[in-house]
Amino acid sequence: MLTASSPMVALLARQTATISSEMVLRRSLSSNTASIVKVHRSVYARRYPTMVVLPDGATININYHEPRRIVKLPLDLSLLSESERKARLEKRKPKRVIHVEDEVEDNFNARKYANFIRKK
């Protein structure tokens, strides 16, 4: 049986004291003390949930520093074939709008209906 004066108790007390003092010395107290997976406090006070769309169409949900709903990453044109690249570049150009003006034949003669107008 262990008594308070036994050398085993003294050894255990010293080891616990060293372990607890090492734990206190190694522990850095900061705003991230409780973080296990992510930093709970960042540089910016407000982060906004945002969806990032990769060039292949995959999506990732992130916290972004600006209030944006969707951020779409650009496609690398050097990885596309020549025909696909030309098709993409044609989509970027403004579309030509064709204006069709209809010519209406106007053969209305107001004098023909002048007798229906009464003068007061």
PDB file of N, CA and C in Angstrom:
ATOM      1  N   MET A   1       0.830  -1.172   0.000  1.00  0.00           N
ATOM      2  CA  MET A   1       0.000   0.000   0.000  1.00  0.00           C
ATOM      3  C   MET A   1       0.878   1.239   0.000  1.00  0.00           C
ATOM      4  N   LEU A   2       0.435   2.256  -0.729  1.00  0.00           N
ATOM      5  CA  LEU A   2       1.222   3.480  -0.836  1.00  0.00           C
ATOM      6  C   LEU A   2       0.832   4.461   0.259  1.00  0.00           C
ATOM      7  N   THR A   3       1.837   4.983   0.925  1.00  0.00           N
ATOM      8  CA  THR A   3       1.592   6.009   1.938  1.00  0.00           C
ATOM      9  C   THR A   3       2.162   7.325   1.440  1.00  0.00           C
ATOM     10  N   ALA A   4       1.836   8.394   2.110  1.00  0.00           N
ATOM     11  CA  ALA A   4       2.275   9.719   1.679  1.00  0.00           C
ATOM     12  C   ALA A   4       3.784   9.873   1.758  1.00  0.00           C
ATOM     13  N   SER A   5       4.436   9.070   2.601  1.00  0.00           N
ATOM     14  CA  SER A   5       5.885   9.205   2.758  1.00  0.00           C
ATOM     15  C   SER A   5       6.658   8.224   1.885  1.00  0.00           C
ATOM     16  N   SER A   6       5.991   7.363   1.163  1.00  0.00           N
ATOM     17  CA  SER A   6       6.699   6.360   0.359  1.00  0.00           C
ATOM     18  C   SER A   6       7.388   7.025  -0.836  1.00  0.00           C
ATOM     19  N   PRO A   7       8.517   6.458  -1.251  1.00  0.00           N
ATOM     20  CA  PRO A   7       9.259   7.047  -2.373  1.00  0.00           C
ATOM     21  C   PRO A   7       8.479   6.970  -3.688  1.00  0.00           C
ATOM     22  N   MET A   8       7.609   6.011  -3.849  1.00  0.00           N
ATOM     23  CA  MET A   8       6.812   5.878  -5.079  1.00  0.00           C
ATOM     24  C   MET A   8       5.850   7.050  -5.231  1.00  0.00           C
ATOM     25  N   VAL A   9       5.233   7.458  -4.132  1.00  0.00           N
ATOM     26  CA  VAL A   9       4.301   8.587  -4.148  1.00  0.00           C
ATOM     27  C   VAL A   9       5.056   9.870  -4.480  1.00  0.00           C
ATOM     28  N   ALA A  10       6.242  10.021  -3.917  1.00  0.00           N
ATOM     29  CA  ALA A  10       7.052  11.212  -4.185  1.00  0.00           C
ATOM     30  C   ALA A  10       7.449  11.264  -5.660  1.00  0.00           C
ATOM     31  N   LEU A  11       7.821  10.107  -6.213  1.00  0.00           N
ATOM     32  CA  LEU A  11       8.197  10.042  -7.633  1.00  0.00           C
ATOM     33  C   LEU A  11       7.013  10.382  -8.525  1.00  0.00           C
ATOM     34  N   LEU A  12       5.851   9.828  -8.199  1.00  0.00           N
ATOM     35  CA  LEU A  12       4.644  10.130  -8.980  1.00  0.00           C
ATOM     36  C   LEU A  12       4.277  11.607  -8.881  1.00  0.00           C
ATOM     37  N   ALA A  13       4.430  12.184  -7.711  1.00  0.00           N
ATOM     38  CA  ALA A  13       4.104  13.601  -7.523  1.00  0.00           C
ATOM     39  C   ALA A  13       5.034  14.473  -8.355  1.00  0.00           C
ATOM     40  N   ARG A  14       6.339  14.111  -8.380  1.00  0.00           N
ATOM     41  CA  ARG A  14       7.286  14.890  -9.180  1.00  0.00           C
ATOM     42  C   ARG A  14       6.986  14.773 -10.668  1.00  0.00           C
ATOM     43  N   GLN A  15       6.665  13.555 -11.134  1.00  0.00           N
ATOM     44  CA  GLN A  15       6.365  13.356 -12.554  1.00  0.00           C
ATOM     45  C   GLN A  15       5.109  14.124 -12.950  1.00  0.00           C
ATOM     46  N   THR A  16       4.103  14.104 -12.120  1.00  0.00           N
ATOM     47  CA  THR A  16       2.872  14.838 -12.439  1.00  0.00           C
ATOM     48  C   THR A  16       3.144  16.329 -12.458  1.00  0.00           C
ATOM     49  N   ALA A  17       3.966  16.808 -11.554  1.00  0.00           N
ATOM     50  CA  ALA A  17       4.280  18.238 -11.525  1.00  0.00           C
ATOM     51  C   ALA A  17       5.026  18.639 -12.792  1.00  0.00           C
ATOM     52  N   THR A  18       5.977  17.782 -13.220  1.00  0.00           N
ATOM     53  CA  THR A  18       6.720  18.110 -14.441  1.00  0.00           C
ATOM     54  C   THR A  18       5.824  18.032 -15.659  1.00  0.00           C
ATOM     55  N   ILE A  19       4.972  17.035 -15.697  1.00  0.00           N
ATOM     56  CA  ILE A  19       4.071  16.897 -16.849  1.00  0.00           C
ATOM     57  C   ILE A  19       3.118  18.087 -16.921  1.00  0.00           C
ATOM     58  N   SER A  20       2.549  18.457 -15.785  1.00  0.00           N
ATOM     59  CA  SER A  20       1.598  19.570 -15.799  1.00  0.00           C
ATOM     60  C   SER A  20       2.307  20.885 -16.105  1.00  0.00           C
ATOM     61  N   SER A  21       3.546  21.070 -15.600  1.00  0.00           N
ATOM     62  CA  SER A  21       4.259  22.316 -15.896  1.00  0.00           C
ATOM     63  C   SER A  21       4.682  22.352 -17.365  1.00  0.00           C
ATOM     64  N   GLU A  22       5.038  21.213 -17.945  1.00  0.00           N
ATOM     65  CA  GLU A  22       5.384  21.172 -19.365  1.00  0.00           C
ATOM     66  C   GLU A  22       4.170  21.474 -20.226  1.00  0.00           C
ATOM     67  N   MET A  23       3.021  20.979 -19.810  1.00  0.00           N
ATOM     68  CA  MET A  23       1.808  21.236 -20.575  1.00  0.00           C
ATOM     69  C   MET A  23       1.480  22.721 -20.570  1.00  0.00           C
ATOM     70  N   VAL A  24       1.656  23.375 -19.463  1.00  0.00           N
ATOM     71  CA  VAL A  24       1.363  24.806 -19.375  1.00  0.00           C
ATOM     72  C   VAL A  24       2.370  25.588 -20.211  1.00  0.00           C
ATOM     73  N   LEU A  25       3.626  25.188 -20.168  1.00  0.00           N
ATOM     74  CA  LEU A  25       4.648  25.904 -20.924  1.00  0.00           C
ATOM     75  C   LEU A  25       4.481  25.709 -22.428  1.00  0.00           C
ATOM     76  N   ARG A  26       4.071  24.550 -22.852  1.00  0.00           N
ATOM     77  CA  ARG A  26       3.942  24.270 -24.279  1.00  0.00           C
ATOM     78  C   ARG A  26       2.672  24.859 -24.874  1.00  0.00           C
ATOM     79  N   ARG A  27       1.706  25.110 -24.071  1.00  0.00           N
ATOM     80  CA  ARG A  27       0.421  25.592 -24.563  1.00  0.00           C
ATOM     81  C   ARG A  27       0.502  27.085 -24.852  1.00  0.00           C
ATOM     82  N   SER A  28       0.141  27.461 -26.059  1.00  0.00           N
ATOM     83  CA  SER A  28       0.129  28.885 -26.393  1.00  0.00           C
ATOM     84  C   SER A  28      -1.309  29.368 -26.357  1.00  0.00           C
ATOM     85  N   LEU A  29      -1.555  30.359 -25.554  1.00  0.00           N
ATOM     86  CA  LEU A  29      -2.900  30.885 -25.407  1.00  0.00           C
ATOM     87  C   LEU A  29      -3.110  31.996 -26.429  1.00  0.00           C
ATOM     88  N   SER A  30      -4.056  31.777 -27.314  1.00  0.00           N
ATOM     89  CA  SER A  30      -4.392  32.792 -28.316  1.00  0.00           C
ATOM     90  C   SER A  30      -5.858  32.632 -28.676  1.00  0.00           C
ATOM     91  N   SER A  31      -6.279  33.358 -29.693  1.00  0.00           N
ATOM     92  CA  SER A  31      -7.673  33.264 -30.122  1.00  0.00           C
ATOM     93  C   SER A  31      -7.963  31.921 -30.781  1.00  0.00           C
ATOM     94  N   ASN A  32      -6.922  31.187 -31.154  1.00  0.00           N
ATOM     95  CA  ASN A  32      -7.097  29.905 -31.836  1.00  0.00           C
ATOM     96  C   ASN A  32      -6.897  28.725 -30.895  1.00  0.00           C
ATOM     97  N   THR A  33      -6.996  28.923 -29.603  1.00  0.00           N
ATOM     98  CA  THR A  33      -6.737  27.867 -28.634  1.00  0.00           C
ATOM     99  C   THR A  33      -7.685  26.689 -28.813  1.00  0.00           C
ATOM    100  N   ALA A  34      -8.943  26.963 -29.057  1.00  0.00           N
ATOM    101  CA  ALA A  34      -9.929  25.894 -29.146  1.00  0.00           C
ATOM    102  C   ALA A  34     -10.042  25.320 -30.552  1.00  0.00           C
ATOM    103  N   SER A  35      -9.242  25.793 -31.481  1.00  0.00           N
ATOM    104  CA  SER A  35      -9.392  25.319 -32.860  1.00  0.00           C
ATOM    105  C   SER A  35      -8.803  23.929 -33.017  1.00  0.00           C
ATOM    106  N   ILE A  36      -9.560  23.070 -33.621  1.00  0.00           N
ATOM    107  CA  ILE A  36      -9.097  21.720 -33.911  1.00  0.00           C
ATOM    108  C   ILE A  36      -9.008  21.542 -35.420  1.00  0.00           C
ATOM    109  N   VAL A  37     -10.035  21.951 -36.128  1.00  0.00           N
ATOM    110  CA  VAL A  37     -10.104  21.754 -37.566  1.00  0.00           C
ATOM    111  C   VAL A  37      -9.786  23.032 -38.326  1.00  0.00           C
ATOM    112  N   LYS A  38     -10.292  24.155 -37.839  1.00  0.00           N
ATOM    113  CA  LYS A  38     -10.106  25.411 -38.555  1.00  0.00           C
ATOM    114  C   LYS A  38      -9.879  26.541 -37.564  1.00  0.00           C
ATOM    115  N   VAL A  39      -9.384  27.629 -38.069  1.00  0.00           N
ATOM    116  CA  VAL A  39      -9.176  28.806 -37.245  1.00  0.00           C
ATOM    117  C   VAL A  39     -10.523  29.490 -37.067  1.00  0.00           C
ATOM    118  N   HIS A  40     -10.909  29.709 -35.821  1.00  0.00           N
ATOM    119  CA  HIS A  40     -12.221  30.279 -35.555  1.00  0.00           C
ATOM    120  C   HIS A  40     -12.241  31.791 -35.699  1.00  0.00           C
ATOM    121  N   ARG A  41     -11.117  32.425 -35.578  1.00  0.00           N
ATOM    122  CA  ARG A  41     -11.043  33.869 -35.775  1.00  0.00           C
ATOM    123  C   ARG A  41     -10.026  34.145 -36.862  1.00  0.00           C
ATOM    124  N   SER A  42     -10.446  34.841 -37.883  1.00  0.00           N
ATOM    125  CA  SER A  42      -9.535  35.160 -38.974  1.00  0.00           C
ATOM    126  C   SER A  42      -9.209  36.643 -38.943  1.00  0.00           C
ATOM    127  N   VAL A  43      -8.461  37.083 -39.910  1.00  0.00           N
ATOM    128  CA  VAL A  43      -8.067  38.482 -39.981  1.00  0.00           C
ATOM    129  C   VAL A  43      -9.296  39.355 -40.175  1.00  0.00           C
ATOM    130  N   TYR A  44     -10.196  38.908 -41.053  1.00  0.00           N
ATOM    131  CA  TYR A  44     -11.394  39.679 -41.334  1.00  0.00           C
ATOM    132  C   TYR A  44     -12.499  39.277 -40.362  1.00  0.00           C
ATOM    133  N   ALA A  45     -13.254  40.263 -39.934  1.00  0.00           N
ATOM    134  CA  ALA A  45     -14.304  39.991 -38.959  1.00  0.00           C
ATOM    135  C   ALA A  45     -15.470  39.244 -39.587  1.00  0.00           C
ATOM    136  N   ARG A  46     -15.732  39.460 -40.875  1.00  0.00           N
ATOM    137  CA  ARG A  46     -16.893  38.841 -41.526  1.00  0.00           C
ATOM    138  C   ARG A  46     -16.440  38.051 -42.738  1.00  0.00           C
ATOM    139  N   ARG A  47     -16.858  36.804 -42.825  1.00  0.00           N
ATOM    140  CA  ARG A  47     -16.596  35.955 -43.986  1.00  0.00           C
ATOM    141  C   ARG A  47     -17.942  35.541 -44.554  1.00  0.00           C
ATOM    142  N   TYR A  48     -18.055  35.485 -45.880  1.00  0.00           N
ATOM    143  CA  TYR A  48     -19.322  35.211 -46.537  1.00  0.00           C
ATOM    144  C   TYR A  48     -19.276  33.845 -47.219  1.00  0.00           C
ATOM    145  N   PRO A  49     -20.322  33.030 -47.065  1.00  0.00           N
ATOM    146  CA  PRO A  49     -20.338  31.733 -47.748  1.00  0.00           C
ATOM    147  C   PRO A  49     -20.443  31.947 -49.253  1.00  0.00           C
ATOM    148  N   THR A  50     -19.529  31.353 -49.998  1.00  0.00           N
ATOM    149  CA  THR A  50     -19.436  31.558 -51.442  1.00  0.00           C
ATOM    150  C   THR A  50     -19.184  30.226 -52.116  1.00  0.00           C
ATOM    151  N   MET A  51     -19.756  30.056 -53.312  1.00  0.00           N
ATOM    152  CA  MET A  51     -19.539  28.851 -54.094  1.00  0.00           C
ATOM    153  C   MET A  51     -18.525  29.160 -55.199  1.00  0.00           C
ATOM    154  N   VAL A  52     -17.461  28.366 -55.281  1.00  0.00           N
ATOM    155  CA  VAL A  52     -16.449  28.517 -56.322  1.00  0.00           C
ATOM    156  C   VAL A  52     -16.717  27.460 -57.380  1.00  0.00           C
ATOM    157  N   VAL A  53     -16.855  27.907 -58.642  1.00  0.00           N
ATOM    158  CA  VAL A  53     -17.075  26.991 -59.753  1.00  0.00           C
ATOM    159  C   VAL A  53     -15.757  26.844 -60.494  1.00  0.00           C
ATOM    160  N   LEU A  54     -15.220  25.642 -60.510  1.00  0.00           N
ATOM    161  CA  LEU A  54     -13.965  25.362 -61.194  1.00  0.00           C
ATOM    162  C   LEU A  54     -14.201  25.276 -62.701  1.00  0.00           C
ATOM    163  N   PRO A  55     -13.141  25.379 -63.518  1.00  0.00           N
ATOM    164  CA  PRO A  55     -13.321  25.333 -64.978  1.00  0.00           C
ATOM    165  C   PRO A  55     -13.970  24.048 -65.490  1.00  0.00           C
ATOM    166  N   ASP A  56     -13.798  22.932 -64.779  1.00  0.00           N
ATOM    167  CA  ASP A  56     -14.403  21.677 -65.231  1.00  0.00           C
ATOM    168  C   ASP A  56     -15.850  21.527 -64.771  1.00  0.00           C
ATOM    169  N   GLY A  57     -16.373  22.501 -64.018  1.00  0.00           N
ATOM    170  CA  GLY A  57     -17.768  22.474 -63.586  1.00  0.00           C
ATOM    171  C   GLY A  57     -17.960  22.033 -62.147  1.00  0.00           C
ATOM    172  N   ALA A  58     -16.907  21.573 -61.495  1.00  0.00           N
ATOM    173  CA  ALA A  58     -17.007  21.163 -60.093  1.00  0.00           C
ATOM    174  C   ALA A  58     -17.180  22.399 -59.211  1.00  0.00           C
ATOM    175  N   THR A  59     -17.857  22.232 -58.074  1.00  0.00           N
ATOM    176  CA  THR A  59     -18.096  23.356 -57.176  1.00  0.00           C
ATOM    177  C   THR A  59     -17.521  23.078 -55.798  1.00  0.00           C
ATOM    178  N   ILE A  60     -17.076  24.154 -55.146  1.00  0.00           N
ATOM    179  CA  ILE A  60     -16.521  24.088 -53.801  1.00  0.00           C
ATOM    180  C   ILE A  60     -17.153  25.216 -52.999  1.00  0.00           C
ATOM    181  N   ASN A  61     -17.561  24.935 -51.776  1.00  0.00           N
ATOM    182  CA  ASN A  61     -18.089  25.971 -50.891  1.00  0.00           C
ATOM    183  C   ASN A  61     -16.965  26.484 -50.002  1.00  0.00           C
ATOM    184  N   ILE A  62     -16.766  27.814 -50.006  1.00  0.00           N
ATOM    185  CA  ILE A  62     -15.708  28.431 -49.214  1.00  0.00           C
ATOM    186  C   ILE A  62     -16.273  29.631 -48.463  1.00  0.00           C
ATOM    187  N   ASN A  63     -15.474  30.194 -47.567  1.00  0.00           N
ATOM    188  CA  ASN A  63     -15.785  31.468 -46.927  1.00  0.00           C
ATOM    189  C   ASN A  63     -14.917  32.525 -47.585  1.00  0.00           C
ATOM    190  N   TYR A  64     -15.553  33.539 -48.181  1.00  0.00           N
ATOM    191  CA  TYR A  64     -14.851  34.552 -48.970  1.00  0.00           C
ATOM    192  C   TYR A  64     -14.929  35.891 -48.260  1.00  0.00           C
ATOM    193  N   HIS A  65     -13.941  36.736 -48.458  1.00  0.00           N
ATOM    194  CA  HIS A  65     -13.899  38.007 -47.737  1.00  0.00           C
ATOM    195  C   HIS A  65     -14.835  39.056 -48.317  1.00  0.00           C
ATOM    196  N   GLU A  66     -15.384  38.835 -49.514  1.00  0.00           N
ATOM    197  CA  GLU A  66     -16.344  39.758 -50.112  1.00  0.00           C
ATOM    198  C   GLU A  66     -17.694  39.065 -50.231  1.00  0.00           C
ATOM    199  N   PRO A  67     -18.787  39.825 -50.157  1.00  0.00           N
ATOM    200  CA  PRO A  67     -20.113  39.190 -50.271  1.00  0.00           C
ATOM    201  C   PRO A  67     -20.446  38.824 -51.712  1.00  0.00           C
ATOM    202  N   ARG A  68     -20.008  37.673 -52.158  1.00  0.00           N
ATOM    203  CA  ARG A  68     -20.297  37.159 -53.494  1.00  0.00           C
ATOM    204  C   ARG A  68     -21.011  35.828 -53.338  1.00  0.00           C
ATOM    205  N   ARG A  69     -21.991  35.558 -54.186  1.00  0.00           N
ATOM    206  CA  ARG A  69     -22.702  34.286 -54.128  1.00  0.00           C
ATOM    207  C   ARG A  69     -21.898  33.208 -54.868  1.00  0.00           C
ATOM    208  N   ILE A  70     -21.424  33.538 -56.087  1.00  0.00           N
ATOM    209  CA  ILE A  70     -20.704  32.569 -56.916  1.00  0.00           C
ATOM    210  C   ILE A  70     -19.454  33.235 -57.475  1.00  0.00           C
ATOM    211  N   VAL A  71     -18.325  32.517 -57.440  1.00  0.00           N
ATOM    212  CA  VAL A  71     -17.088  32.951 -58.081  1.00  0.00           C
ATOM    213  C   VAL A  71     -16.745  31.882 -59.101  1.00  0.00           C
ATOM    214  N   LYS A  72     -16.646  32.279 -60.374  1.00  0.00           N
ATOM    215  CA  LYS A  72     -16.360  31.322 -61.436  1.00  0.00           C
ATOM    216  C   LYS A  72     -14.926  31.521 -61.900  1.00  0.00           C
ATOM    217  N   LEU A  73     -14.130  30.466 -61.827  1.00  0.00           N
ATOM    218  CA  LEU A  73     -12.741  30.543 -62.249  1.00  0.00           C
ATOM    219  C   LEU A  73     -12.652  30.433 -63.764  1.00  0.00           C
ATOM    220  N   PRO A  74     -11.720  31.162 -64.393  1.00  0.00           N
ATOM    221  CA  PRO A  74     -11.637  31.157 -65.860  1.00  0.00           C
ATOM    222  C   PRO A  74     -11.073  29.846 -66.402  1.00  0.00           C
ATOM    223  N   LEU A  75     -11.414  29.575 -67.647  1.00  0.00           N
ATOM    224  CA  LEU A  75     -10.956  28.367 -68.329  1.00  0.00           C
ATOM    225  C   LEU A  75      -9.624  28.649 -69.001  1.00  0.00           C
ATOM    226  N   ASP A  76      -8.682  27.724 -68.919  1.00  0.00           N
ATOM    227  CA  ASP A  76      -7.382  27.882 -69.563  1.00  0.00           C
ATOM    228  C   ASP A  76      -7.525  27.491 -71.029  1.00  0.00           C
ATOM    229  N   LEU A  77      -7.442  28.483 -71.928  1.00  0.00           N
ATOM    230  CA  LEU A  77      -7.654  28.233 -73.355  1.00  0.00           C
ATOM    231  C   LEU A  77      -6.511  27.445 -73.990  1.00  0.00           C
ATOM    232  N   SER A  78      -5.338  27.452 -73.370  1.00  0.00           N
ATOM    233  CA  SER A  78      -4.209  26.722 -73.952  1.00  0.00           C
ATOM    234  C   SER A  78      -4.401  25.207 -73.856  1.00  0.00           C
ATOM    235  N   LEU A  79      -5.294  24.756 -72.978  1.00  0.00           N
ATOM    236  CA  LEU A  79      -5.539  23.317 -72.835  1.00  0.00           C
ATOM    237  C   LEU A  79      -6.585  22.791 -73.811  1.00  0.00           C
ATOM    238  N   LEU A  80      -7.305  23.695 -74.510  1.00  0.00           N
ATOM    239  CA  LEU A  80      -8.370  23.286 -75.424  1.00  0.00           C
ATOM    240  C   LEU A  80      -7.818  23.005 -76.812  1.00  0.00           C
ATOM    241  N   SER A  81      -8.597  22.271 -77.598  1.00  0.00           N
ATOM    242  CA  SER A  81      -8.209  22.044 -78.990  1.00  0.00           C
ATOM    243  C   SER A  81      -8.467  23.319 -79.786  1.00  0.00           C
ATOM    244  N   GLU A  82      -7.973  23.346 -81.018  1.00  0.00           N
ATOM    245  CA  GLU A  82      -8.089  24.550 -81.851  1.00  0.00           C
ATOM    246  C   GLU A  82      -9.544  24.909 -82.134  1.00  0.00           C
ATOM    247  N   SER A  83     -10.369  23.908 -82.449  1.00  0.00           N
ATOM    248  CA  SER A  83     -11.771  24.193 -82.760  1.00  0.00           C
ATOM    249  C   SER A  83     -12.538  24.665 -81.520  1.00  0.00           C
ATOM    250  N   GLU A  84     -12.267  24.049 -80.357  1.00  0.00           N
ATOM    251  CA  GLU A  84     -12.931  24.473 -79.122  1.00  0.00           C
ATOM    252  C   GLU A  84     -12.515  25.888 -78.734  1.00  0.00           C
ATOM    253  N   ARG A  85     -11.233  26.210 -78.938  1.00  0.00           N
ATOM    254  CA  ARG A  85     -10.748  27.546 -78.606  1.00  0.00           C
ATOM    255  C   ARG A  85     -11.411  28.600 -79.486  1.00  0.00           C
ATOM    256  N   LYS A  86     -11.543  28.311 -80.797  1.00  0.00           N
ATOM    257  CA  LYS A  86     -12.194  29.258 -81.707  1.00  0.00           C
ATOM    258  C   LYS A  86     -13.659  29.444 -81.336  1.00  0.00           C
ATOM    259  N   ALA A  87     -14.324  28.353 -80.954  1.00  0.00           N
ATOM    260  CA  ALA A  87     -15.732  28.451 -80.562  1.00  0.00           C
ATOM    261  C   ALA A  87     -15.881  29.303 -79.296  1.00  0.00           C
ATOM    262  N   ARG A  88     -14.985  29.141 -78.328  1.00  0.00           N
ATOM    263  CA  ARG A  88     -15.036  29.939 -77.102  1.00  0.00           C
ATOM    264  C   ARG A  88     -14.786  31.417 -77.389  1.00  0.00           C
ATOM    265  N   LEU A  89     -13.824  31.701 -78.261  1.00  0.00           N
ATOM    266  CA  LEU A  89     -13.523  33.090 -78.589  1.00  0.00           C
ATOM    267  C   LEU A  89     -14.659  33.737 -79.368  1.00  0.00           C
ATOM    268  N   GLU A  90     -15.360  32.963 -80.199  1.00  0.00           N
ATOM    269  CA  GLU A  90     -16.513  33.505 -80.932  1.00  0.00           C
ATOM    270  C   GLU A  90     -17.659  33.838 -79.979  1.00  0.00           C
ATOM    271  N   LYS A  91     -17.812  33.060 -78.916  1.00  0.00           N
ATOM    272  CA  LYS A  91     -18.865  33.340 -77.933  1.00  0.00           C
ATOM    273  C   LYS A  91     -18.609  34.646 -77.193  1.00  0.00           C
ATOM    274  N   ARG A  92     -17.334  35.024 -77.048  1.00  0.00           N
ATOM    275  CA  ARG A  92     -16.993  36.253 -76.339  1.00  0.00           C
ATOM    276  C   ARG A  92     -17.304  37.502 -77.157  1.00  0.00           C
ATOM    277  N   LYS A  93     -17.270  37.379 -78.473  1.00  0.00           N
ATOM    278  CA  LYS A  93     -17.506  38.541 -79.325  1.00  0.00           C
ATOM    279  C   LYS A  93     -18.974  38.945 -79.249  1.00  0.00           C
ATOM    280  N   PRO A  94     -19.247  40.241 -79.393  1.00  0.00           N
ATOM    281  CA  PRO A  94     -20.654  40.667 -79.362  1.00  0.00           C
ATOM    282  C   PRO A  94     -21.398  40.164 -80.593  1.00  0.00           C
ATOM    283  N   LYS A  95     -22.639  39.797 -80.393  1.00  0.00           N
ATOM    284  CA  LYS A  95     -23.441  39.279 -81.498  1.00  0.00           C
ATOM    285  C   LYS A  95     -23.939  40.431 -82.351  1.00  0.00           C
ATOM    286  N   ARG A  96     -23.962  40.223 -83.643  1.00  0.00           N
ATOM    287  CA  ARG A  96     -24.450  41.246 -84.559  1.00  0.00           C
ATOM    288  C   ARG A  96     -25.971  41.220 -84.569  1.00  0.00           C
ATOM    289  N   VAL A  97     -26.548  42.386 -84.387  1.00  0.00           N
ATOM    290  CA  VAL A  97     -27.998  42.506 -84.373  1.00  0.00           C
ATOM    291  C   VAL A  97     -28.438  42.974 -85.752  1.00  0.00           C
ATOM    292  N   ILE A  98     -29.330  42.223 -86.357  1.00  0.00           N
ATOM    293  CA  ILE A  98     -29.834  42.565 -87.684  1.00  0.00           C
ATOM    294  C   ILE A  98     -31.138  43.321 -87.506  1.00  0.00           C
ATOM    295  N   HIS A  99     -31.158  44.553 -87.989  1.00  0.00           N
ATOM    296  CA  HIS A  99     -32.359  45.378 -87.917  1.00  0.00           C
ATOM    297  C   HIS A  99     -33.110  45.249 -89.231  1.00  0.00           C
ATOM    298  N   VAL A 100     -34.330  44.766 -89.158  1.00  0.00           N
ATOM    299  CA  VAL A 100     -35.172  44.632 -90.344  1.00  0.00           C
ATOM    300  C   VAL A 100     -36.230  45.724 -90.270  1.00  0.00           C
ATOM    301  N   GLU A 101     -36.208  46.587 -91.256  1.00  0.00           N
ATOM    302  CA  GLU A 101     -37.192  47.663 -91.304  1.00  0.00           C
ATOM    303  C   GLU A 101     -38.249  47.305 -92.335  1.00  0.00           C
ATOM    304  N   ASP A 102     -39.472  47.190 -91.877  1.00  0.00           N
ATOM    305  CA  ASP A 102     -40.575  46.888 -92.786  1.00  0.00           C
ATOM    306  C   ASP A 102     -41.084  48.189 -93.394  1.00  0.00           C
ATOM    307  N   GLU A 103     -41.173  48.192 -94.705  1.00  0.00           N
ATOM    308  CA  GLU A 103     -41.725  49.365 -95.382  1.00  0.00           C
ATOM    309  C   GLU A 103     -43.215  49.132 -95.576  1.00  0.00           C
ATOM    310  N   VAL A 104     -43.993  49.987 -94.959  1.00  0.00           N
ATOM    311  CA  VAL A 104     -45.440  49.874 -95.034  1.00  0.00           C
ATOM    312  C   VAL A 104     -45.927  50.868 -96.085  1.00  0.00           C
ATOM    313  N   GLU A 105     -46.722  50.355 -97.021  1.00  0.00           N
ATOM    314  CA  GLU A 105     -47.275  51.251 -98.037  1.00  0.00           C
ATOM    315  C   GLU A 105     -48.409  52.041 -97.411  1.00  0.00           C
ATOM    316  N   ASP A 106     -48.272  53.346 -97.455  1.00  0.00           N
ATOM    317  CA  ASP A 106     -49.267  54.224 -96.851  1.00  0.00           C
ATOM    318  C   ASP A 106     -50.040  54.918 -97.968  1.00  0.00           C
ATOM    319  N   ASN A 107     -51.250  54.459 -98.203  1.00  0.00           N
ATOM    320  CA  ASN A 107     -52.080  55.088 -99.234  1.00  0.00           C
ATOM    321  C   ASN A 107     -53.324  55.731 -98.619  1.00  0.00           C
ATOM    322  N   PHE A 108     -53.186  56.179 -97.385  1.00  0.00           N
ATOM    323  CA  PHE A 108     -54.294  56.822 -96.690  1.00  0.00           C
ATOM    324  C   PHE A 108     -54.414  58.263 -97.181  1.00  0.00           C
ATOM    325  N   ASN A 109     -55.630  58.661 -97.512  1.00  0.00           N
ATOM    326  CA  ASN A 109     -55.892  60.023 -97.959  1.00  0.00           C
ATOM    327  C   ASN A 109     -56.932  60.624 -97.020  1.00  0.00           C
ATOM    328  N   ALA A 110     -56.566  61.680 -96.289  1.00  0.00           N
ATOM    329  CA  ALA A 110     -57.456  62.303 -95.309  1.00  0.00           C
ATOM    330  C   ALA A 110     -58.590  63.055 -95.986  1.00  0.00           C
ATOM    331  N   ARG A 111     -58.393  63.559 -97.191  1.00  0.00           N
ATOM    332  CA  ARG A 111     -59.442  64.311 -97.889  1.00  0.00           C
ATOM    333  C   ARG A 111     -60.620  63.411 -98.251  1.00  0.00           C
ATOM    334  N   LYS A 112     -60.336  62.156 -98.384  1.00  0.00           N
ATOM    335  CA  LYS A 112     -61.392  61.216 -98.731  1.00  0.00           C
ATOM    336  C   LYS A 112     -62.429  61.127 -97.614  1.00  0.00           C
ATOM    337  N   TYR A 113     -61.999  61.353 -96.356  1.00  0.00           N
ATOM    338  CA  TYR A 113     -62.883  61.260 -95.193  1.00  0.00           C
ATOM    339  C   TYR A 113     -63.254  62.631 -94.628  1.00  0.00           C
ATOM    340  N   ALA A 114     -62.951  63.686 -95.319  1.00  0.00           N
ATOM    341  CA  ALA A 114     -63.218  65.047 -94.838  1.00  0.00           C
ATOM    342  C   ALA A 114     -64.704  65.324 -94.710  1.00  0.00           C
ATOM    343  N   ASN A 115     -65.533  64.693 -95.507  1.00  0.00           N
ATOM    344  CA  ASN A 115     -66.970  64.945 -95.436  1.00  0.00           C
ATOM    345  C   ASN A 115     -67.608  64.365 -94.177  1.00  0.00           C
ATOM    346  N   PHE A 116     -66.929  63.484 -93.458  1.00  0.00           N
ATOM    347  CA  PHE A 116     -67.458  62.913 -92.221  1.00  0.00           C
ATOM    348  C   PHE A 116     -67.174  63.783 -90.998  1.00  0.00           C
ATOM    349  N   ILE A 117     -66.322  64.765 -91.133  1.00  0.00           N
ATOM    350  CA  ILE A 117     -65.952  65.627 -90.014  1.00  0.00           C
ATOM    351  C   ILE A 117     -66.889  66.823 -89.999  1.00  0.00           C
ATOM    352  N   ARG A 118     -67.529  67.061 -88.880  1.00  0.00           N
ATOM    353  CA  ARG A 118     -68.434  68.200 -88.743  1.00  0.00           C
ATOM    354  C   ARG A 118     -67.701  69.375 -88.122  1.00  0.00           C
ATOM    355  N   LYS A 119     -67.915  70.524 -88.637  1.00  0.00           N
ATOM    356  CA  LYS A 119     -67.348  71.741 -88.064  1.00  0.00           C
ATOM    357  C   LYS A 119     -68.410  72.412 -87.227  1.00  0.00           C
ATOM    358  N   LYS A 120     -68.069  72.904 -86.100  1.00  0.00           N
ATOM    359  CA  LYS A 120     -69.027  73.555 -85.213  1.00  0.00           C
ATOM    360  C   LYS A 120     -68.968  75.038 -85.354  1.00  0.00           C
TER     361      LYS A 120
END
